[in-house]
């Protein structure tokens, strides 16, 4: 069975602020079993047939082929596919809005262990995953990350100095000075909806709050430049310009991506200055999801669990993500909720 890592956390005060630094511990644990999904809910092709029954390392290869990734890249206006991808994006936005309500209520850390329990302080990120899983499945959708490259959970999280793809943790309770990103994707009626946000718990310092606000503004500025005939590299230009003005840097190891019937497909969206002058066209559907990092070093390293990436410098990061569809006169944000 492939090992996962228990988290070792140490409170640190540095030029980046005061927060708990997460790092890999030497104590190994096994990956958790995937949560149940009713058999009537359609699963993406990449989920191994025996994903819910086989031990780790013994999953069948996925049916989905890399050669098929361009299929369905552009969405025809007024089509059933457009309706479905809009529905998937809407559901993803609704679930993320509920996650926000669970994490921060009136500025106080409160988590739900299940959909029916009352709020309880100090919950773990695994319990966030439990809530996300329940919301998605209750809506008749499948959590897209569950079984994607054999990932064992229904969302990804990133706390403090973790950049992305942290498997929700069973051990460490969230603390009142944590930054936490939740990234979730739903698979509904054969289409994916993908979104992400970073939340500040009640004792996050000013540097952490500024990081969150800057990252959110970078995403919004990137969305505003999108439309037919606009080069894709305009997104990276505006994101990196804002980051530099705020004394931050853009992680270059992660990118946005086309999305629809496939979870990840062209076009791929770089969030830093680049030479990709491919023009956006009506029907392009993709995510914009910049990760901004404190200080001059944006690079991260992957832990031995094969998923989690944290910053080399120990600096904190923040990420926000929306899924957009290029329209006749601009773009529609498919994952926007009324609480944004």
Protein backbone atom coordinates (compact mmCIF):
# COMPACT_ATOMS: atom_id res chain seq x y z
CA UNK A 1 0.00 0.00 0.00
CA UNK A 2 1.47 3.34 -0.98
CA UNK A 3 2.13 5.51 2.10
CA UNK A 4 0.75 8.94 2.83
CA UNK A 5 2.25 11.42 5.25
CA UNK A 6 1.03 12.63 8.61
CA UNK A 7 1.49 16.38 8.93
CA UNK A 8 3.97 17.97 11.30
CA UNK A 9 3.13 21.61 12.03
CA UNK A 10 5.25 24.29 13.69
CA UNK A 11 4.14 27.83 14.49
CA UNK A 12 6.59 30.29 12.96
CA UNK A 13 7.03 34.05 12.89
CA UNK A 14 8.93 35.33 9.89
CA UNK A 15 8.95 38.16 7.39
CA UNK A 16 5.92 36.46 5.85
CA UNK A 17 3.86 36.71 9.06
CA UNK A 18 2.85 34.51 11.97
CA UNK A 19 1.30 31.16 11.08
CA UNK A 20 1.73 27.43 11.42
CA UNK A 21 4.22 25.95 8.96
CA UNK A 22 3.22 22.54 7.61
CA UNK A 23 5.90 20.01 6.65
CA UNK A 24 6.11 16.27 5.94
CA UNK A 25 6.56 14.16 9.04
CA UNK A 26 8.45 10.90 9.08
CA UNK A 27 5.42 9.02 10.48
CA UNK A 28 3.69 7.22 7.61
CA UNK A 29 0.03 6.32 7.38
CA UNK A 30 -1.99 4.61 4.64
CA UNK A 31 -4.24 6.48 2.27
CA UNK A 32 -7.86 6.67 3.41
CA UNK A 33 -10.51 4.63 1.65
CA UNK A 34 -12.64 6.64 -0.79
CA UNK A 35 -16.05 7.77 0.39
CA UNK A 36 -19.09 5.99 -0.99
CA UNK A 37 -20.77 7.24 -4.16
CA UNK A 38 -24.19 5.78 -5.05
CA UNK A 39 -24.13 3.53 -8.08
CA UNK A 40 -26.70 5.62 -9.96
CA UNK A 41 -24.33 8.60 -10.15
CA UNK A 42 -22.32 8.62 -13.38
CA UNK A 43 -18.55 8.49 -12.93
CA UNK A 44 -15.94 10.00 -15.25
CA UNK A 45 -14.14 7.52 -17.50
CA UNK A 46 -10.82 8.09 -15.73
CA UNK A 47 -12.06 6.55 -12.46
CA UNK A 48 -10.71 2.97 -12.35
CA UNK A 49 -13.45 0.35 -12.37
CA UNK A 50 -12.11 -1.12 -9.14
CA UNK A 51 -11.23 2.20 -7.49
CA UNK A 52 -13.66 1.71 -4.60
CA UNK A 53 -12.74 -1.92 -3.95
CA UNK A 54 -9.06 -2.50 -4.75
CA UNK A 55 -6.23 -1.70 -2.33
CA UNK A 56 -3.92 1.19 -3.15
CA UNK A 57 -1.57 0.38 -6.03
CA UNK A 58 -3.89 -2.25 -7.53
CA UNK A 59 -6.30 -0.02 -9.45
CA UNK A 60 -7.13 -0.79 -13.08
CA UNK A 61 -5.79 1.67 -15.67
CA UNK A 62 -8.29 4.40 -16.60
CA UNK A 63 -10.27 4.16 -19.83
CA UNK A 64 -9.71 7.80 -20.75
CA UNK A 65 -6.98 8.33 -23.34
CA UNK A 66 -4.69 11.39 -23.62
CA UNK A 67 -5.28 11.35 -27.38
CA UNK A 68 -8.91 12.26 -26.73
CA UNK A 69 -8.18 15.39 -24.72
CA UNK A 70 -9.09 17.85 -27.50
CA UNK A 71 -12.52 16.28 -27.96
CA UNK A 72 -15.18 18.76 -26.97
CA UNK A 73 -12.69 21.57 -26.52
CA UNK A 74 -14.96 24.28 -27.94
CA UNK A 75 -18.61 24.50 -26.90
CA UNK A 76 -21.21 25.38 -29.52
CA UNK A 77 -23.44 28.29 -28.60
CA UNK A 78 -26.99 27.27 -27.68
CA UNK A 79 -26.14 23.57 -27.59
CA UNK A 80 -27.11 21.01 -24.98
CA UNK A 81 -23.44 20.85 -24.09
CA UNK A 82 -23.44 24.55 -23.24
CA UNK A 83 -26.45 24.05 -20.99
CA UNK A 84 -24.78 21.16 -19.21
CA UNK A 85 -21.44 22.85 -18.65
CA UNK A 86 -23.27 25.87 -17.26
CA UNK A 87 -25.19 23.61 -14.87
CA UNK A 88 -21.97 21.96 -13.71
CA UNK A 89 -20.30 25.31 -13.14
CA UNK A 90 -23.31 26.62 -11.24
CA UNK A 91 -23.35 23.61 -8.93
CA UNK A 92 -19.61 23.92 -8.23
CA UNK A 93 -20.10 27.56 -7.28
CA UNK A 94 -23.02 26.70 -5.01
CA UNK A 95 -21.04 24.00 -3.20
CA UNK A 96 -18.08 26.34 -2.68
CA UNK A 97 -20.42 28.98 -1.25
CA UNK A 98 -21.66 26.42 1.26
CA UNK A 99 -18.07 25.49 2.11
CA UNK A 100 -17.38 29.14 2.90
CA UNK A 101 -20.33 29.19 5.28
CA UNK A 102 -19.04 26.06 7.00
CA UNK A 103 -15.49 27.32 7.45
CA UNK A 104 -16.08 30.91 8.53
CA UNK A 105 -19.37 31.92 10.14
CA UNK A 106 -19.43 35.41 11.60
CA UNK A 107 -15.63 35.41 11.77
CA UNK A 108 -15.54 32.35 14.03
CA UNK A 109 -14.02 29.02 13.00
CA UNK A 110 -16.84 26.50 12.74
CA UNK A 111 -16.89 23.21 10.91
CA UNK A 112 -19.58 20.65 10.20
CA UNK A 113 -18.61 17.05 10.76
CA UNK A 114 -21.59 15.92 8.67
CA UNK A 115 -24.36 17.62 6.76
CA UNK A 116 -26.68 17.35 9.76
CA UNK A 117 -24.41 18.05 12.75
CA UNK A 118 -24.28 21.47 14.32
CA UNK A 119 -21.16 23.65 14.09
CA UNK A 120 -18.16 22.49 16.09
CA UNK A 121 -14.81 24.30 16.42
CA UNK A 122 -11.42 22.98 15.37
CA UNK A 123 -12.48 20.49 12.72
CA UNK A 124 -9.99 18.90 10.35
CA UNK A 125 -9.68 19.38 6.61
CA UNK A 126 -10.83 15.80 6.19
CA UNK A 127 -14.15 16.85 7.67
CA UNK A 128 -14.33 19.62 5.08
CA UNK A 129 -13.89 16.90 2.49
CA UNK A 130 -16.68 14.89 4.11
CA UNK A 131 -19.01 17.88 3.84
CA UNK A 132 -17.99 18.63 0.23
CA UNK A 133 -18.52 15.00 -0.73
CA UNK A 134 -21.97 14.97 0.85
CA UNK A 135 -23.06 18.17 -0.90
CA UNK A 136 -21.91 17.03 -4.33
CA UNK A 137 -23.40 13.55 -4.08
CA UNK A 138 -26.67 14.94 -2.69
CA UNK A 139 -26.96 17.01 -5.88
CA UNK A 140 -26.63 13.87 -8.02
CA UNK A 141 -23.09 14.72 -9.12
CA UNK A 142 -19.71 13.02 -8.78
CA UNK A 143 -16.70 14.67 -7.08
CA UNK A 144 -14.30 14.91 -10.02
CA UNK A 145 -11.09 14.60 -8.00
CA UNK A 146 -12.17 11.29 -6.45
CA UNK A 147 -10.22 8.67 -8.39
CA UNK A 148 -8.47 11.16 -10.67
CA UNK A 149 -4.94 9.68 -10.86
CA UNK A 150 -6.19 7.56 -7.94
CA UNK A 151 -6.57 10.62 -5.67
CA UNK A 152 -8.53 9.36 -2.63
CA UNK A 153 -10.61 12.41 -1.67
CA UNK A 154 -13.43 14.59 -3.04
CA UNK A 155 -11.63 17.95 -2.92
CA UNK A 156 -8.11 19.25 -2.46
CA UNK A 157 -7.02 21.70 0.22
CA UNK A 158 -3.99 23.89 0.85
CA UNK A 159 -3.21 25.29 4.30
CA UNK A 160 -0.72 28.13 4.83
CA UNK A 161 2.57 27.22 3.08
CA UNK A 162 1.00 24.39 1.04
CA UNK A 163 0.54 25.53 -2.56
CA UNK A 164 -1.92 22.93 -3.80
CA UNK A 165 -3.18 19.34 -3.90
CA UNK A 166 -2.96 18.59 -0.19
CA UNK A 167 -5.00 15.51 0.62
CA UNK A 168 -7.46 16.47 3.40
CA UNK A 169 -5.87 15.60 6.72
CA UNK A 170 -7.38 13.35 9.38
CA UNK A 171 -5.07 14.49 12.16
CA UNK A 172 -4.39 18.22 12.41
CA UNK A 173 -7.33 20.43 13.43
CA UNK A 174 -7.58 23.78 11.69
CA UNK A 175 -6.30 26.69 13.75
CA UNK A 176 -7.72 30.19 14.01
CA UNK A 177 -4.74 31.78 12.20
CA UNK A 178 -4.81 29.42 9.19
CA UNK A 179 -5.30 30.31 5.57
CA UNK A 180 -7.09 27.49 3.79
CA UNK A 181 -7.77 26.94 0.12
CA UNK A 182 -10.50 24.54 -0.97
CA UNK A 183 -10.52 23.42 -4.61
CA UNK A 184 -13.47 21.35 -5.78
CA UNK A 185 -14.84 20.04 -9.05
CA UNK A 186 -18.17 18.42 -9.82
CA UNK A 187 -19.05 16.03 -12.65
CA UNK A 188 -22.70 16.54 -13.55
CA UNK A 189 -24.48 15.19 -16.64
CA UNK A 190 -21.16 14.35 -18.28
CA UNK A 191 -19.53 17.76 -17.72
CA UNK A 192 -17.16 19.22 -15.14
CA UNK A 193 -17.45 22.42 -13.10
CA UNK A 194 -14.28 23.57 -11.31
CA UNK A 195 -13.73 26.33 -8.74
CA UNK A 196 -11.55 27.28 -5.80
CA UNK A 197 -11.19 29.91 -3.08
CA UNK A 198 -8.94 30.74 -0.16
CA UNK A 199 -10.43 31.60 3.22
CA UNK A 200 -8.97 33.40 6.22
CA UNK A 201 -9.87 32.16 9.66
CA UNK A 202 -10.47 34.68 12.40
CA UNK A 203 -6.91 35.37 13.60
CA UNK A 204 -5.10 35.58 10.26
CA UNK A 205 -2.62 38.47 10.26
CA UNK A 206 -2.68 41.47 7.92
CA UNK A 207 -0.08 39.96 5.58
CA UNK A 208 -2.27 36.91 5.11
CA UNK A 209 -5.36 39.01 4.47
CA UNK A 210 -3.47 41.12 1.92
CA UNK A 211 -2.30 37.95 0.16
CA UNK A 212 -5.88 36.72 -0.14
CA UNK A 213 -7.23 40.05 -1.41
CA UNK A 214 -4.42 40.41 -3.95
CA UNK A 215 -4.97 36.91 -5.32
CA UNK A 216 -8.70 37.44 -5.62
CA UNK A 217 -8.13 40.75 -7.41
CA UNK A 218 -5.64 39.09 -9.78
CA UNK A 219 -8.30 36.56 -10.78
CA UNK A 220 -10.93 39.26 -11.30
CA UNK A 221 -8.59 41.38 -13.42
CA UNK A 222 -7.77 38.34 -15.54
CA UNK A 223 -11.46 37.61 -16.07
CA UNK A 224 -12.09 41.20 -17.17
CA UNK A 225 -9.62 40.98 -20.07
CA UNK A 226 -11.15 37.80 -21.52
CA UNK A 227 -13.19 37.79 -24.71
CA UNK A 228 -13.10 36.65 -28.35
CA UNK A 229 -9.93 37.68 -30.16
CA UNK A 230 -7.94 38.30 -26.98
CA UNK A 231 -4.57 36.47 -26.74
CA UNK A 232 -4.38 33.92 -23.95
CA UNK A 233 -1.18 35.48 -22.65
CA UNK A 234 -3.10 38.61 -21.62
CA UNK A 235 -4.22 36.59 -18.61
CA UNK A 236 -0.66 35.96 -17.47
CA UNK A 237 0.35 39.56 -18.10
CA UNK A 238 -2.30 41.11 -15.86
CA UNK A 239 -1.88 38.50 -13.11
CA UNK A 240 1.89 38.89 -12.88
CA UNK A 241 1.75 42.69 -13.09
CA UNK A 242 -0.59 42.83 -10.12
CA UNK A 243 1.47 40.31 -8.16
CA UNK A 244 4.65 42.32 -8.67
CA UNK A 245 2.97 45.54 -7.56
CA UNK A 246 1.93 43.81 -4.32
CA UNK A 247 5.36 42.30 -3.62
CA UNK A 248 4.16 38.78 -4.46
CA UNK A 249 5.10 36.22 -7.10
CA UNK A 250 3.16 33.81 -9.31
CA UNK A 251 3.68 30.07 -9.05
CA UNK A 252 4.56 28.69 -12.50
CA UNK A 253 4.12 24.99 -11.75
CA UNK A 254 0.32 25.06 -12.01
CA UNK A 255 -1.88 26.30 -14.83
CA UNK A 256 -5.50 26.81 -15.71
CA UNK A 257 -6.99 24.46 -18.27
CA UNK A 258 -9.76 23.84 -20.71
CA UNK A 259 -12.70 22.01 -19.21
CA UNK A 260 -16.04 20.56 -20.24
CA UNK A 261 -16.55 16.89 -21.00
CA UNK A 262 -12.92 16.47 -20.00
CA UNK A 263 -11.55 17.53 -16.61
CA UNK A 264 -8.32 18.86 -18.14
CA UNK A 265 -7.84 19.68 -21.82
CA UNK A 266 -6.51 22.51 -24.02
CA UNK A 267 -6.21 25.43 -23.81
CA UNK A 268 -3.78 25.59 -20.89
CA UNK A 269 -3.70 28.94 -19.13
CA UNK A 270 -0.39 30.28 -17.81
CA UNK A 271 -0.69 32.86 -15.04
CA UNK A 272 2.65 34.57 -15.71
CA UNK A 273 4.03 36.47 -18.71
CA UNK A 274 4.39 34.07 -21.63
CA UNK A 275 4.45 33.81 -25.43
CA UNK A 276 1.16 31.96 -25.99
CA UNK A 277 -0.66 34.42 -28.24
CA UNK A 278 -3.40 31.94 -29.23
CA UNK A 279 -6.60 33.94 -29.59
CA UNK A 280 -9.62 33.16 -27.45
CA UNK A 281 -12.62 32.08 -29.50
CA UNK A 282 -16.34 31.93 -28.79
CA UNK A 283 -17.06 28.63 -27.07
CA UNK A 284 -13.70 28.27 -25.35
CA UNK A 285 -14.30 27.09 -21.79
CA UNK A 286 -11.41 27.15 -19.34
CA UNK A 287 -10.35 27.86 -15.78
CA UNK A 288 -8.27 30.75 -14.49
CA UNK A 289 -6.69 29.79 -11.17
CA UNK A 290 -3.62 31.82 -10.16
CA UNK A 291 -1.57 30.86 -7.11
CA UNK A 292 0.23 33.86 -5.60
CA UNK A 293 3.06 33.33 -3.12
CA UNK A 294 4.63 35.68 -0.59
CA UNK A 295 8.15 36.86 -1.37
CA UNK A 296 10.29 36.37 -4.50
CA UNK A 297 10.38 32.54 -4.64
CA UNK A 298 7.22 30.94 -6.04
CA UNK A 299 8.51 27.40 -6.43
CA UNK A 300 7.17 24.42 -4.57
CA UNK A 301 8.26 20.83 -3.96
CA UNK A 302 6.13 17.68 -3.92
CA UNK A 303 5.92 15.60 -0.78
CA UNK A 304 6.41 11.85 -0.78
CA UNK A 305 2.65 11.30 -0.86
CA UNK A 306 2.83 12.20 -4.56
CA UNK A 307 0.17 14.92 -4.31
CA UNK A 308 0.96 17.71 -1.83
CA UNK A 309 3.15 20.61 -2.98
CA UNK A 310 4.39 23.20 -0.48
CA UNK A 311 6.50 26.31 -1.01
CA UNK A 312 10.29 25.97 -0.93
CA UNK A 313 10.58 29.14 1.12
CA UNK A 314 7.91 28.27 3.67
CA UNK A 315 5.90 31.30 2.52
CA UNK A 316 2.13 31.21 2.39
CA UNK A 317 0.12 31.08 -0.82
CA UNK A 318 -3.42 31.81 -1.88
CA UNK A 319 -5.45 30.68 -4.88
CA UNK A 320 -8.77 31.61 -6.41
CA UNK A 321 -10.35 29.94 -9.43
CA UNK A 322 -13.30 30.44 -11.72
CA UNK A 323 -14.44 28.60 -14.83
CA UNK A 324 -15.33 30.88 -17.72
CA UNK A 325 -16.97 30.53 -21.14
CA UNK A 326 -16.00 32.90 -23.95
CA UNK A 327 -19.12 34.54 -25.43
CA UNK A 328 -19.90 36.94 -28.29
CA UNK A 329 -19.00 40.04 -26.28
CA UNK A 330 -16.75 38.83 -23.46
CA UNK A 331 -17.10 35.91 -21.11
CA UNK A 332 -19.50 34.38 -18.61
CA UNK A 333 -18.23 33.22 -15.23
CA UNK A 334 -19.92 29.84 -14.83
CA UNK A 335 -18.87 29.24 -11.22
CA UNK A 336 -19.83 32.62 -9.79
CA UNK A 337 -22.19 32.40 -6.81
CA UNK A 338 -24.38 35.09 -5.28
CA UNK A 339 -22.02 35.23 -2.28
CA UNK A 340 -18.95 36.22 -4.35
